[in-house]
Amino acid sequence: MEPVSDELHWRAMEVAGRKLPEDYICRGKHVRFVMNCNMQYMFLDRFFPQFVLGEGDDPYVWLNYGKKRVVAGKPAYCARVASMIRRRGLLANLSMRENLLLPFLYAEDTSCLKRAESEVEAVAEFLGLSSLLYEQAGERSVYTHALVSLGHCLLKRPDVIVAQEVHVGMPPERLQIFRDKAQEAMLQLGAGVLYLTSSIHEGSGLEFSQTYEIECDNVPDVSGIW
């Protein structure tokens, strides 16, 4: 029997004066929103809020798993939903190994950290980061930030990934390498993907069950809050 897949739901919401439709993703389902970068960050804020809602609040985003329903930001939600956000893959003062393990270091479930620690070297080898594993991250390229974000997903093994086009700004020779690794990883994980992009022709390699193109003129610049 196939395992029950988590379902990430969001209800219809207004972002920057535009109405965004409700939908959901689960394992193997890919949904794409085409909108400018500033609006992407505003949308992402609903999925990874800085302040967690109380039990009586009406959520925009929630996760159904089994018979449970948890709102965005709760520990059970964070344990099951991974993210790939542009240039948010690593911290300069930590080693590459610590950066790969970062989503697990402050989690309540120590068993997940132990499993990730046992797999981090194999994931680093797949990503081509083995030689940097014990070095301080320092300042790194868009390519390396994207690889570490992908590594977080490989170690977490989520049913659901919320992703931006993290490859923006890569040189062409690195771009194809990253796309190949990302496609192999997504195939291996089989996760559902909510993909945010500024271009319908961005070439992610994914097949989308639904694409929403959002007109978003005159959107304020909020990228600095992330």
N, C-alpha and C. Protein backbone atom coordinates (compact mmCIF):
# COMPACT_ATOMS: atom_id res chain seq x y z
N MET A 1 0.85 -1.19 0.00
CA MET A 1 0.00 0.00 0.00
C MET A 1 0.89 1.25 0.00
N GLU A 2 0.55 2.23 -0.85
CA GLU A 2 1.31 3.46 -0.93
C GLU A 2 1.13 4.28 0.35
N PRO A 3 2.21 4.90 0.88
CA PRO A 3 2.05 5.74 2.07
C PRO A 3 1.20 6.96 1.77
N VAL A 4 0.46 7.41 2.79
CA VAL A 4 -0.36 8.61 2.63
C VAL A 4 0.55 9.82 2.49
N SER A 5 0.28 10.66 1.51
CA SER A 5 1.11 11.83 1.26
C SER A 5 0.58 13.03 2.02
N ASP A 6 1.51 13.80 2.59
CA ASP A 6 1.10 15.08 3.17
C ASP A 6 0.52 15.98 2.09
N GLU A 7 -0.42 16.83 2.47
CA GLU A 7 -1.02 17.79 1.55
C GLU A 7 -0.84 19.20 2.10
N LEU A 8 -0.19 20.05 1.32
CA LEU A 8 0.00 21.45 1.69
C LEU A 8 -1.08 22.27 0.99
N HIS A 9 -1.94 22.89 1.78
CA HIS A 9 -3.06 23.66 1.25
C HIS A 9 -2.86 25.14 1.48
N TRP A 10 -3.37 25.94 0.58
CA TRP A 10 -3.48 27.37 0.84
C TRP A 10 -4.82 27.85 0.27
N ARG A 11 -5.43 28.75 1.01
CA ARG A 11 -6.72 29.26 0.55
C ARG A 11 -6.50 30.50 -0.31
N ALA A 12 -7.53 30.91 -1.01
CA ALA A 12 -7.44 32.11 -1.84
C ALA A 12 -7.03 33.29 -0.97
N MET A 13 -6.10 34.08 -1.47
CA MET A 13 -5.60 35.20 -0.68
C MET A 13 -5.28 36.37 -1.59
N GLU A 14 -5.19 37.54 -1.00
CA GLU A 14 -4.80 38.73 -1.75
C GLU A 14 -3.36 39.09 -1.38
N VAL A 15 -2.52 39.23 -2.39
CA VAL A 15 -1.12 39.61 -2.21
C VAL A 15 -0.83 40.77 -3.14
N ALA A 16 -0.39 41.89 -2.58
CA ALA A 16 -0.07 43.09 -3.37
C ALA A 16 -1.23 43.49 -4.28
N GLY A 17 -2.45 43.38 -3.75
CA GLY A 17 -3.63 43.80 -4.49
C GLY A 17 -4.08 42.83 -5.56
N ARG A 18 -3.47 41.64 -5.63
CA ARG A 18 -3.87 40.64 -6.61
C ARG A 18 -4.45 39.42 -5.90
N LYS A 19 -5.51 38.88 -6.46
CA LYS A 19 -6.16 37.71 -5.89
C LYS A 19 -5.45 36.45 -6.37
N LEU A 20 -4.95 35.66 -5.43
CA LEU A 20 -4.28 34.41 -5.77
C LEU A 20 -5.22 33.25 -5.45
N PRO A 21 -5.36 32.31 -6.36
CA PRO A 21 -6.33 31.22 -6.18
C PRO A 21 -5.87 30.19 -5.16
N GLU A 22 -6.83 29.49 -4.58
CA GLU A 22 -6.49 28.41 -3.67
C GLU A 22 -6.13 27.15 -4.45
N ASP A 23 -5.31 26.31 -3.83
CA ASP A 23 -4.91 25.04 -4.44
C ASP A 23 -4.21 24.24 -3.36
N TYR A 24 -3.65 23.12 -3.74
CA TYR A 24 -2.86 22.33 -2.79
C TYR A 24 -1.84 21.52 -3.58
N ILE A 25 -0.82 21.04 -2.87
CA ILE A 25 0.15 20.13 -3.49
C ILE A 25 0.35 18.95 -2.55
N CYS A 26 0.67 17.83 -3.14
CA CYS A 26 0.99 16.63 -2.39
C CYS A 26 2.13 15.93 -3.14
N ARG A 27 2.52 14.80 -2.67
CA ARG A 27 3.64 14.08 -3.26
C ARG A 27 3.43 13.86 -4.75
N GLY A 28 4.39 14.29 -5.57
CA GLY A 28 4.33 14.08 -7.01
C GLY A 28 3.59 15.15 -7.79
N LYS A 29 2.92 16.08 -7.09
CA LYS A 29 2.17 17.14 -7.77
C LYS A 29 3.00 18.42 -7.79
N HIS A 30 3.07 19.08 -8.96
CA HIS A 30 3.86 20.30 -9.12
C HIS A 30 2.94 21.44 -9.57
N VAL A 31 2.96 22.54 -8.83
CA VAL A 31 2.16 23.73 -9.15
C VAL A 31 3.11 24.92 -9.26
N ARG A 32 2.88 25.75 -10.28
CA ARG A 32 3.76 26.89 -10.54
C ARG A 32 2.99 28.20 -10.48
N PHE A 33 3.59 29.20 -9.81
CA PHE A 33 3.09 30.57 -9.84
C PHE A 33 4.13 31.43 -10.55
N VAL A 34 3.69 32.17 -11.56
CA VAL A 34 4.57 33.08 -12.30
C VAL A 34 4.25 34.49 -11.83
N MET A 35 5.21 35.11 -11.15
CA MET A 35 5.01 36.46 -10.60
C MET A 35 6.38 37.09 -10.41
N ASN A 36 6.44 38.40 -10.25
CA ASN A 36 7.75 39.02 -10.10
C ASN A 36 8.36 38.69 -8.74
N CYS A 37 9.64 38.97 -8.60
CA CYS A 37 10.41 38.52 -7.43
C CYS A 37 9.86 39.10 -6.13
N ASN A 38 9.51 40.39 -6.13
CA ASN A 38 9.00 41.01 -4.90
C ASN A 38 7.71 40.34 -4.43
N MET A 39 6.84 40.01 -5.36
CA MET A 39 5.60 39.36 -4.99
C MET A 39 5.85 37.94 -4.50
N GLN A 40 6.87 37.28 -5.05
CA GLN A 40 7.23 35.94 -4.57
C GLN A 40 7.54 35.96 -3.08
N TYR A 41 8.32 36.96 -2.63
CA TYR A 41 8.68 37.03 -1.22
C TYR A 41 7.46 37.28 -0.34
N MET A 42 6.52 38.08 -0.84
CA MET A 42 5.30 38.34 -0.09
C MET A 42 4.47 37.07 0.03
N PHE A 43 4.44 36.28 -1.03
CA PHE A 43 3.72 35.01 -1.03
C PHE A 43 4.42 34.02 -0.10
N LEU A 44 5.75 33.96 -0.16
CA LEU A 44 6.51 33.06 0.70
C LEU A 44 6.28 33.34 2.18
N ASP A 45 6.04 34.59 2.50
CA ASP A 45 5.83 34.97 3.90
C ASP A 45 4.61 34.27 4.49
N ARG A 46 3.66 33.88 3.65
CA ARG A 46 2.49 33.14 4.14
C ARG A 46 2.86 31.69 4.47
N PHE A 47 3.84 31.14 3.78
CA PHE A 47 4.22 29.74 3.97
C PHE A 47 5.25 29.57 5.07
N PHE A 48 6.05 30.62 5.31
CA PHE A 48 7.07 30.56 6.36
C PHE A 48 6.97 31.84 7.20
N PRO A 49 5.91 31.96 7.96
CA PRO A 49 5.64 33.22 8.70
C PRO A 49 6.66 33.44 9.82
N GLN A 50 6.92 34.71 10.10
CA GLN A 50 7.82 35.05 11.20
C GLN A 50 7.14 34.86 12.55
N PHE A 51 5.81 34.95 12.56
CA PHE A 51 5.06 34.76 13.80
C PHE A 51 4.00 33.68 13.56
N VAL A 52 4.02 32.66 14.41
CA VAL A 52 3.12 31.52 14.25
C VAL A 52 1.73 31.87 14.76
N LEU A 53 0.71 31.50 14.01
CA LEU A 53 -0.67 31.76 14.41
C LEU A 53 -1.05 30.95 15.64
N GLY A 54 -1.97 31.49 16.41
CA GLY A 54 -2.54 30.75 17.53
C GLY A 54 -3.59 29.77 17.04
N GLU A 55 -4.05 28.91 17.94
CA GLU A 55 -4.99 27.85 17.55
C GLU A 55 -6.31 28.42 17.02
N GLY A 56 -6.72 29.59 17.51
CA GLY A 56 -8.01 30.14 17.08
C GLY A 56 -7.95 31.01 15.84
N ASP A 57 -6.75 31.29 15.34
CA ASP A 57 -6.61 32.15 14.17
C ASP A 57 -6.93 31.41 12.89
N ASP A 58 -7.37 32.15 11.89
CA ASP A 58 -7.74 31.56 10.60
C ASP A 58 -6.51 31.55 9.68
N PRO A 59 -5.95 30.39 9.37
CA PRO A 59 -4.71 30.34 8.59
C PRO A 59 -4.94 30.48 7.10
N TYR A 60 -3.94 31.03 6.41
CA TYR A 60 -3.94 31.01 4.96
C TYR A 60 -3.32 29.71 4.44
N VAL A 61 -2.39 29.15 5.20
CA VAL A 61 -1.64 27.97 4.76
C VAL A 61 -1.64 26.93 5.87
N TRP A 62 -1.88 25.69 5.52
CA TRP A 62 -1.84 24.62 6.51
C TRP A 62 -1.44 23.30 5.83
N LEU A 63 -1.05 22.36 6.66
CA LEU A 63 -0.61 21.05 6.19
C LEU A 63 -1.51 19.98 6.78
N ASN A 64 -2.05 19.13 5.92
CA ASN A 64 -2.78 17.95 6.37
C ASN A 64 -1.85 16.74 6.30
N TYR A 65 -1.69 16.04 7.41
CA TYR A 65 -0.95 14.77 7.36
C TYR A 65 -1.66 13.78 8.28
N GLY A 66 -1.97 12.63 7.72
CA GLY A 66 -2.80 11.69 8.45
C GLY A 66 -4.13 12.34 8.75
N LYS A 67 -4.53 12.32 10.02
CA LYS A 67 -5.78 12.96 10.43
C LYS A 67 -5.51 14.30 11.11
N LYS A 68 -4.27 14.78 11.01
CA LYS A 68 -3.90 16.03 11.68
C LYS A 68 -3.87 17.19 10.69
N ARG A 69 -4.09 18.39 11.21
CA ARG A 69 -4.04 19.62 10.42
C ARG A 69 -3.23 20.64 11.22
N VAL A 70 -2.11 21.08 10.66
CA VAL A 70 -1.27 22.05 11.38
C VAL A 70 -1.04 23.26 10.49
N VAL A 71 -1.00 24.43 11.11
CA VAL A 71 -0.83 25.66 10.34
C VAL A 71 0.64 25.93 10.09
N ALA A 72 0.92 26.77 9.12
CA ALA A 72 2.29 27.12 8.74
C ALA A 72 3.06 27.66 9.95
N GLY A 73 4.30 27.20 10.09
CA GLY A 73 5.16 27.67 11.15
C GLY A 73 5.23 26.76 12.36
N LYS A 74 4.25 25.89 12.55
CA LYS A 74 4.27 24.96 13.68
C LYS A 74 5.38 23.92 13.46
N PRO A 75 5.93 23.35 14.55
CA PRO A 75 7.02 22.37 14.41
C PRO A 75 6.70 21.21 13.48
N ALA A 76 5.48 20.67 13.57
CA ALA A 76 5.12 19.54 12.70
C ALA A 76 5.09 19.96 11.23
N TYR A 77 4.71 21.20 10.98
CA TYR A 77 4.72 21.75 9.62
C TYR A 77 6.16 21.89 9.12
N CYS A 78 7.01 22.49 9.93
CA CYS A 78 8.41 22.73 9.53
C CYS A 78 9.16 21.43 9.31
N ALA A 79 8.77 20.37 10.02
CA ALA A 79 9.44 19.08 9.86
C ALA A 79 9.08 18.41 8.54
N ARG A 80 7.98 18.83 7.91
CA ARG A 80 7.48 18.14 6.73
C ARG A 80 7.51 18.98 5.46
N VAL A 81 7.79 20.26 5.58
CA VAL A 81 7.81 21.16 4.42
C VAL A 81 9.21 21.75 4.29
N ALA A 82 9.86 21.51 3.17
CA ALA A 82 11.20 22.06 2.91
C ALA A 82 11.08 23.29 2.02
N SER A 83 12.15 24.11 2.00
CA SER A 83 12.14 25.31 1.18
C SER A 83 13.46 25.45 0.43
N MET A 84 13.38 26.10 -0.72
CA MET A 84 14.56 26.50 -1.47
C MET A 84 14.34 27.96 -1.85
N ILE A 85 14.92 28.87 -1.04
CA ILE A 85 14.71 30.30 -1.21
C ILE A 85 16.00 30.93 -1.71
N ARG A 86 15.89 31.80 -2.68
CA ARG A 86 17.05 32.36 -3.36
C ARG A 86 18.05 33.00 -2.41
N ARG A 87 19.30 32.55 -2.52
CA ARG A 87 20.44 33.04 -1.73
C ARG A 87 20.19 33.01 -0.23
N ARG A 88 19.47 31.98 0.21
CA ARG A 88 19.27 31.77 1.64
C ARG A 88 19.71 30.37 2.02
N GLY A 89 20.73 29.85 1.34
CA GLY A 89 21.15 28.47 1.55
C GLY A 89 22.10 28.28 2.70
N LEU A 90 22.94 29.30 3.03
CA LEU A 90 23.97 29.05 4.04
C LEU A 90 24.34 30.30 4.82
N LEU A 91 25.00 30.07 5.98
CA LEU A 91 25.48 31.13 6.85
C LEU A 91 27.00 31.14 6.81
N ALA A 92 27.58 32.33 6.66
CA ALA A 92 29.02 32.46 6.40
C ALA A 92 29.89 31.97 7.55
N ASN A 93 29.42 32.09 8.80
CA ASN A 93 30.27 31.76 9.95
C ASN A 93 30.22 30.29 10.34
N LEU A 94 29.44 29.48 9.64
CA LEU A 94 29.36 28.05 9.91
C LEU A 94 30.11 27.27 8.85
N SER A 95 30.52 26.05 9.19
CA SER A 95 31.14 25.19 8.19
C SER A 95 30.07 24.73 7.19
N MET A 96 30.52 24.19 6.07
CA MET A 96 29.57 23.71 5.08
C MET A 96 28.73 22.56 5.66
N ARG A 97 29.37 21.71 6.47
CA ARG A 97 28.66 20.61 7.11
C ARG A 97 27.56 21.15 8.03
N GLU A 98 27.91 22.14 8.85
CA GLU A 98 26.93 22.72 9.76
C GLU A 98 25.80 23.38 8.99
N ASN A 99 26.12 24.00 7.86
CA ASN A 99 25.08 24.62 7.04
C ASN A 99 24.12 23.58 6.48
N LEU A 100 24.65 22.46 6.04
CA LEU A 100 23.79 21.40 5.52
C LEU A 100 22.87 20.84 6.62
N LEU A 101 23.37 20.81 7.84
CA LEU A 101 22.61 20.25 8.96
C LEU A 101 21.76 21.30 9.67
N LEU A 102 21.84 22.54 9.26
CA LEU A 102 21.20 23.64 9.97
C LEU A 102 19.71 23.42 10.24
N PRO A 103 18.90 22.92 9.28
CA PRO A 103 17.47 22.74 9.57
C PRO A 103 17.20 21.76 10.70
N PHE A 104 18.19 20.90 11.03
CA PHE A 104 17.99 19.88 12.04
C PHE A 104 18.59 20.24 13.40
N LEU A 105 19.50 21.22 13.43
CA LEU A 105 20.22 21.52 14.66
C LEU A 105 19.33 22.08 15.75
N TYR A 106 18.26 22.77 15.36
CA TYR A 106 17.37 23.37 16.35
C TYR A 106 16.01 22.70 16.37
N ALA A 107 15.89 21.55 15.70
CA ALA A 107 14.63 20.83 15.69
C ALA A 107 14.45 20.06 17.00
N GLU A 108 13.20 19.78 17.34
CA GLU A 108 12.91 19.06 18.57
C GLU A 108 13.22 17.58 18.45
N ASP A 109 13.21 17.04 17.25
CA ASP A 109 13.39 15.61 17.04
C ASP A 109 14.87 15.30 16.83
N THR A 110 15.55 14.80 17.87
CA THR A 110 16.98 14.51 17.77
C THR A 110 17.26 13.32 16.85
N SER A 111 16.27 12.43 16.68
CA SER A 111 16.48 11.28 15.79
C SER A 111 16.67 11.73 14.35
N CYS A 112 15.98 12.82 13.96
CA CYS A 112 16.15 13.36 12.60
C CYS A 112 17.55 13.92 12.41
N LEU A 113 18.08 14.57 13.44
CA LEU A 113 19.44 15.09 13.36
C LEU A 113 20.44 13.96 13.22
N LYS A 114 20.28 12.89 14.00
CA LYS A 114 21.20 11.76 13.92
C LYS A 114 21.17 11.12 12.54
N ARG A 115 19.97 10.99 11.97
CA ARG A 115 19.88 10.42 10.62
C ARG A 115 20.56 11.33 9.61
N ALA A 116 20.32 12.65 9.70
CA ALA A 116 20.94 13.59 8.77
C ALA A 116 22.46 13.57 8.91
N GLU A 117 22.96 13.47 10.13
CA GLU A 117 24.41 13.41 10.34
C GLU A 117 25.01 12.17 9.69
N SER A 118 24.27 11.07 9.68
CA SER A 118 24.77 9.84 9.08
C SER A 118 24.77 9.89 7.55
N GLU A 119 24.00 10.84 6.99
CA GLU A 119 23.85 10.91 5.53
C GLU A 119 24.53 12.13 4.92
N VAL A 120 25.03 13.05 5.75
CA VAL A 120 25.50 14.33 5.23
C VAL A 120 26.70 14.18 4.30
N GLU A 121 27.59 13.24 4.56
CA GLU A 121 28.76 13.07 3.70
C GLU A 121 28.36 12.56 2.32
N ALA A 122 27.40 11.63 2.27
CA ALA A 122 26.93 11.11 0.98
C ALA A 122 26.23 12.21 0.18
N VAL A 123 25.44 13.04 0.86
CA VAL A 123 24.76 14.14 0.19
C VAL A 123 25.77 15.16 -0.32
N ALA A 124 26.79 15.47 0.49
CA ALA A 124 27.83 16.42 0.07
C ALA A 124 28.58 15.89 -1.15
N GLU A 125 28.80 14.59 -1.21
CA GLU A 125 29.48 14.00 -2.38
C GLU A 125 28.61 14.15 -3.62
N PHE A 126 27.33 13.89 -3.50
CA PHE A 126 26.42 14.06 -4.63
C PHE A 126 26.42 15.50 -5.13
N LEU A 127 26.48 16.44 -4.20
CA LEU A 127 26.44 17.86 -4.55
C LEU A 127 27.78 18.39 -5.03
N GLY A 128 28.85 17.62 -4.84
CA GLY A 128 30.19 18.09 -5.21
C GLY A 128 30.79 19.02 -4.16
N LEU A 129 30.37 18.87 -2.91
CA LEU A 129 30.82 19.75 -1.83
C LEU A 129 31.72 19.04 -0.82
N SER A 130 32.13 17.81 -1.10
CA SER A 130 32.89 17.03 -0.12
C SER A 130 34.17 17.74 0.32
N SER A 131 34.88 18.36 -0.59
CA SER A 131 36.15 19.00 -0.25
C SER A 131 35.96 20.24 0.61
N LEU A 132 34.74 20.77 0.66
CA LEU A 132 34.46 21.99 1.44
C LEU A 132 33.74 21.70 2.75
N LEU A 133 33.48 20.42 3.03
CA LEU A 133 32.56 20.05 4.10
C LEU A 133 32.95 20.63 5.45
N TYR A 134 34.24 20.66 5.76
CA TYR A 134 34.68 21.12 7.09
C TYR A 134 35.31 22.51 7.03
N GLU A 135 35.14 23.21 5.92
CA GLU A 135 35.62 24.59 5.81
C GLU A 135 34.51 25.56 6.22
N GLN A 136 34.92 26.71 6.75
CA GLN A 136 33.95 27.76 7.02
C GLN A 136 33.35 28.23 5.70
N ALA A 137 32.05 28.40 5.67
CA ALA A 137 31.38 28.71 4.40
C ALA A 137 31.86 30.03 3.81
N GLY A 138 31.92 31.09 4.63
CA GLY A 138 32.32 32.38 4.10
C GLY A 138 31.38 32.87 3.02
N GLU A 139 31.90 33.71 2.14
CA GLU A 139 31.09 34.22 1.03
C GLU A 139 31.12 33.22 -0.12
N ARG A 140 29.97 32.81 -0.58
CA ARG A 140 29.88 31.80 -1.63
C ARG A 140 28.99 32.29 -2.78
N SER A 141 29.11 31.61 -3.88
CA SER A 141 28.39 31.98 -5.10
C SER A 141 26.93 31.56 -5.03
N VAL A 142 26.15 32.08 -5.97
CA VAL A 142 24.75 31.67 -6.12
C VAL A 142 24.67 30.15 -6.28
N TYR A 143 25.59 29.59 -7.03
CA TYR A 143 25.62 28.15 -7.28
C TYR A 143 25.73 27.37 -5.96
N THR A 144 26.65 27.78 -5.08
CA THR A 144 26.84 27.06 -3.82
C THR A 144 25.65 27.24 -2.90
N HIS A 145 25.08 28.44 -2.83
CA HIS A 145 23.86 28.65 -2.05
C HIS A 145 22.76 27.70 -2.51
N ALA A 146 22.62 27.58 -3.81
CA ALA A 146 21.56 26.72 -4.36
C ALA A 146 21.82 25.25 -4.05
N LEU A 147 23.08 24.83 -4.12
CA LEU A 147 23.42 23.44 -3.80
C LEU A 147 23.09 23.11 -2.35
N VAL A 148 23.40 24.03 -1.43
CA VAL A 148 23.12 23.79 -0.02
C VAL A 148 21.60 23.71 0.22
N SER A 149 20.84 24.57 -0.44
CA SER A 149 19.38 24.49 -0.33
C SER A 149 18.87 23.14 -0.83
N LEU A 150 19.44 22.67 -1.93
CA LEU A 150 19.06 21.36 -2.45
C LEU A 150 19.46 20.27 -1.47
N GLY A 151 20.63 20.44 -0.83
CA GLY A 151 21.08 19.48 0.17
C GLY A 151 20.13 19.39 1.35
N HIS A 152 19.58 20.54 1.78
CA HIS A 152 18.60 20.53 2.86
C HIS A 152 17.42 19.63 2.50
N CYS A 153 16.96 19.72 1.27
CA CYS A 153 15.82 18.91 0.83
C CYS A 153 16.18 17.42 0.81
N LEU A 154 17.37 17.10 0.33
CA LEU A 154 17.79 15.70 0.27
C LEU A 154 17.89 15.09 1.67
N LEU A 155 18.35 15.88 2.63
CA LEU A 155 18.48 15.37 3.99
C LEU A 155 17.14 15.29 4.71
N LYS A 156 16.25 16.24 4.43
CA LYS A 156 14.95 16.27 5.10
C LYS A 156 13.99 15.24 4.53
N ARG A 157 14.08 14.97 3.23
CA ARG A 157 13.18 14.03 2.54
C ARG A 157 11.72 14.43 2.73
N PRO A 158 11.35 15.63 2.39
CA PRO A 158 9.98 16.08 2.62
C PRO A 158 9.02 15.53 1.56
N ASP A 159 7.74 15.56 1.88
CA ASP A 159 6.73 15.30 0.85
C ASP A 159 6.48 16.55 0.02
N VAL A 160 6.81 17.73 0.58
CA VAL A 160 6.47 19.00 -0.07
C VAL A 160 7.67 19.94 -0.03
N ILE A 161 7.95 20.60 -1.17
CA ILE A 161 9.02 21.60 -1.26
C ILE A 161 8.42 22.89 -1.82
N VAL A 162 8.68 24.00 -1.16
CA VAL A 162 8.30 25.32 -1.67
C VAL A 162 9.58 25.96 -2.19
N ALA A 163 9.63 26.28 -3.49
CA ALA A 163 10.91 26.66 -4.10
C ALA A 163 10.77 27.89 -4.99
N GLN A 164 11.79 28.75 -4.90
CA GLN A 164 11.99 29.78 -5.91
C GLN A 164 12.94 29.24 -6.98
N GLU A 165 13.11 30.00 -8.05
CA GLU A 165 14.10 29.67 -9.08
C GLU A 165 15.47 30.07 -8.53
N VAL A 166 16.06 29.21 -7.71
CA VAL A 166 17.29 29.55 -6.99
C VAL A 166 18.50 29.63 -7.92
N HIS A 167 18.34 29.23 -9.17
CA HIS A 167 19.47 29.26 -10.12
C HIS A 167 19.69 30.64 -10.74
N VAL A 168 18.83 31.62 -10.47
CA VAL A 168 18.97 32.94 -11.09
C VAL A 168 20.33 33.55 -10.72
N GLY A 169 21.08 33.98 -11.74
CA GLY A 169 22.38 34.60 -11.52
C GLY A 169 23.55 33.67 -11.68
N MET A 170 23.29 32.38 -11.93
CA MET A 170 24.40 31.44 -12.13
C MET A 170 25.00 31.62 -13.52
N PRO A 171 26.33 31.46 -13.67
CA PRO A 171 26.93 31.43 -15.01
C PRO A 171 26.44 30.20 -15.76
N PRO A 172 26.37 30.27 -17.09
CA PRO A 172 25.80 29.17 -17.88
C PRO A 172 26.42 27.81 -17.60
N GLU A 173 27.76 27.76 -17.40
CA GLU A 173 28.40 26.47 -17.20
C GLU A 173 27.99 25.83 -15.87
N ARG A 174 27.67 26.65 -14.88
CA ARG A 174 27.20 26.13 -13.60
C ARG A 174 25.70 25.81 -13.65
N LEU A 175 24.97 26.58 -14.42
CA LEU A 175 23.52 26.44 -14.48
C LEU A 175 23.10 25.04 -14.92
N GLN A 176 23.74 24.51 -15.95
CA GLN A 176 23.37 23.19 -16.45
C GLN A 176 23.72 22.11 -15.44
N ILE A 177 24.85 22.25 -14.76
CA ILE A 177 25.23 21.28 -13.73
C ILE A 177 24.18 21.27 -12.62
N PHE A 178 23.77 22.47 -12.19
CA PHE A 178 22.78 22.54 -11.11
C PHE A 178 21.45 21.95 -11.56
N ARG A 179 21.01 22.28 -12.75
CA ARG A 179 19.74 21.76 -13.24
C ARG A 179 19.75 20.23 -13.27
N ASP A 180 20.86 19.64 -13.72
CA ASP A 180 20.96 18.19 -13.77
C ASP A 180 20.87 17.59 -12.38
N LYS A 181 21.59 18.19 -11.42
CA LYS A 181 21.56 17.68 -10.05
C LYS A 181 20.18 17.86 -9.43
N ALA A 182 19.56 19.01 -9.67
CA ALA A 182 18.24 19.28 -9.10
C ALA A 182 17.19 18.32 -9.65
N GLN A 183 17.23 18.06 -10.96
CA GLN A 183 16.27 17.15 -11.55
C GLN A 183 16.45 15.73 -11.02
N GLU A 184 17.70 15.30 -10.86
CA GLU A 184 17.97 13.98 -10.31
C GLU A 184 17.47 13.89 -8.87
N ALA A 185 17.70 14.96 -8.09
CA ALA A 185 17.27 14.97 -6.70
C ALA A 185 15.74 14.96 -6.59
N MET A 186 15.06 15.76 -7.42
CA MET A 186 13.60 15.81 -7.38
C MET A 186 12.99 14.47 -7.77
N LEU A 187 13.62 13.79 -8.72
CA LEU A 187 13.16 12.46 -9.12
C LEU A 187 13.34 11.48 -7.96
N GLN A 188 14.46 11.58 -7.28
CA GLN A 188 14.75 10.71 -6.15
C GLN A 188 13.78 10.96 -5.00
N LEU A 189 13.48 12.22 -4.71
CA LEU A 189 12.61 12.56 -3.60
C LEU A 189 11.14 12.31 -3.91
N GLY A 190 10.73 12.58 -5.15
CA GLY A 190 9.33 12.42 -5.52
C GLY A 190 8.40 13.40 -4.83
N ALA A 191 8.94 14.50 -4.35
CA ALA A 191 8.15 15.44 -3.54
C ALA A 191 7.21 16.27 -4.41
N GLY A 192 6.15 16.76 -3.79
CA GLY A 192 5.33 17.79 -4.42
C GLY A 192 6.08 19.11 -4.37
N VAL A 193 5.89 19.94 -5.38
CA VAL A 193 6.65 21.19 -5.47
C VAL A 193 5.70 22.35 -5.77
N LEU A 194 5.78 23.39 -4.94
CA LEU A 194 5.18 24.69 -5.25
C LEU A 194 6.31 25.57 -5.73
N TYR A 195 6.28 25.94 -7.01
CA TYR A 195 7.43 26.59 -7.64
C TYR A 195 7.08 28.03 -8.01
N LEU A 196 7.90 28.97 -7.54
CA LEU A 196 7.69 30.39 -7.80
C LEU A 196 8.76 30.87 -8.78
N THR A 197 8.32 31.48 -9.86
CA THR A 197 9.25 31.92 -10.89
C THR A 197 8.76 33.23 -11.50
N SER A 198 9.68 33.98 -12.06
CA SER A 198 9.31 35.24 -12.72
C SER A 198 9.14 35.06 -14.22
N SER A 199 9.40 33.86 -14.72
CA SER A 199 9.28 33.61 -16.16
C SER A 199 8.69 32.23 -16.41
N ILE A 200 7.71 32.18 -17.29
CA ILE A 200 7.11 30.89 -17.64
C ILE A 200 8.06 30.03 -18.46
N HIS A 201 9.15 30.63 -18.94
CA HIS A 201 10.13 29.91 -19.76
C HIS A 201 11.41 29.64 -18.98
N GLU A 202 11.33 29.53 -17.64
CA GLU A 202 12.55 29.43 -16.83
C GLU A 202 13.25 28.09 -16.95
N GLY A 203 12.62 27.07 -17.48
CA GLY A 203 13.32 25.83 -17.77
C GLY A 203 13.69 25.01 -16.55
N SER A 204 12.76 24.84 -15.60
CA SER A 204 13.04 24.06 -14.40
C SER A 204 13.18 22.58 -14.68
N GLY A 205 12.59 22.13 -15.77
CA GLY A 205 12.59 20.70 -16.07
C GLY A 205 11.43 19.95 -15.45
N LEU A 206 10.63 20.61 -14.61
CA LEU A 206 9.49 19.97 -13.98
C LEU A 206 8.27 20.03 -14.90
N GLU A 207 7.37 19.08 -14.74
CA GLU A 207 6.08 19.11 -15.42
C GLU A 207 5.04 19.58 -14.40
N PHE A 208 4.30 20.63 -14.76
CA PHE A 208 3.37 21.24 -13.81
C PHE A 208 1.93 20.85 -14.13
N SER A 209 1.21 20.47 -13.06
CA SER A 209 -0.20 20.15 -13.24
C SER A 209 -1.03 21.42 -13.38
N GLN A 210 -0.50 22.53 -12.86
CA GLN A 210 -1.21 23.80 -12.92
C GLN A 210 -0.20 24.94 -12.89
N THR A 211 -0.41 25.94 -13.76
CA THR A 211 0.40 27.16 -13.76
C THR A 211 -0.52 28.36 -13.62
N TYR A 212 -0.19 29.25 -12.68
CA TYR A 212 -0.94 30.49 -12.49
C TYR A 212 -0.04 31.66 -12.84
N GLU A 213 -0.45 32.46 -13.81
CA GLU A 213 0.31 33.65 -14.18
C GLU A 213 -0.36 34.86 -13.53
N ILE A 214 0.40 35.57 -12.70
CA ILE A 214 -0.14 36.67 -11.92
C ILE A 214 0.42 37.99 -12.42
N GLU A 215 -0.46 38.91 -12.80
CA GLU A 215 -0.01 40.26 -13.14
C GLU A 215 0.28 41.00 -11.85
N CYS A 216 1.44 41.63 -11.78
CA CYS A 216 1.83 42.23 -10.50
C CYS A 216 2.65 43.49 -10.72
N ASP A 217 2.07 44.51 -11.31
CA ASP A 217 2.73 45.79 -11.50
C ASP A 217 2.77 46.57 -10.19
N ASN A 218 3.77 47.44 -10.07
CA ASN A 218 3.87 48.36 -8.93
C ASN A 218 3.85 47.66 -7.58
N VAL A 219 4.56 46.54 -7.49
CA VAL A 219 4.67 45.83 -6.22
C VAL A 219 5.82 46.40 -5.41
N PRO A 220 5.61 46.76 -4.14
CA PRO A 220 6.71 47.32 -3.34
C PRO A 220 7.84 46.32 -3.15
N ASP A 221 9.07 46.83 -3.01
CA ASP A 221 10.24 45.99 -2.84
C ASP A 221 10.30 45.51 -1.39
N VAL A 222 10.08 44.18 -1.19
CA VAL A 222 10.14 43.61 0.14
C VAL A 222 11.21 42.54 0.26
N SER A 223 12.05 42.42 -0.75
CA SER A 223 13.03 41.33 -0.76
C SER A 223 14.01 41.44 0.39
N GLY A 224 14.23 42.63 0.93
CA GLY A 224 15.19 42.81 2.00
C GLY A 224 14.77 42.19 3.32
N ILE A 225 13.49 41.81 3.49
CA ILE A 225 13.05 41.27 4.75
C ILE A 225 13.43 39.81 4.91
N TRP A 226 13.86 39.17 3.82
CA TRP A 226 14.19 37.75 3.90
C TRP A 226 15.68 37.57 4.13
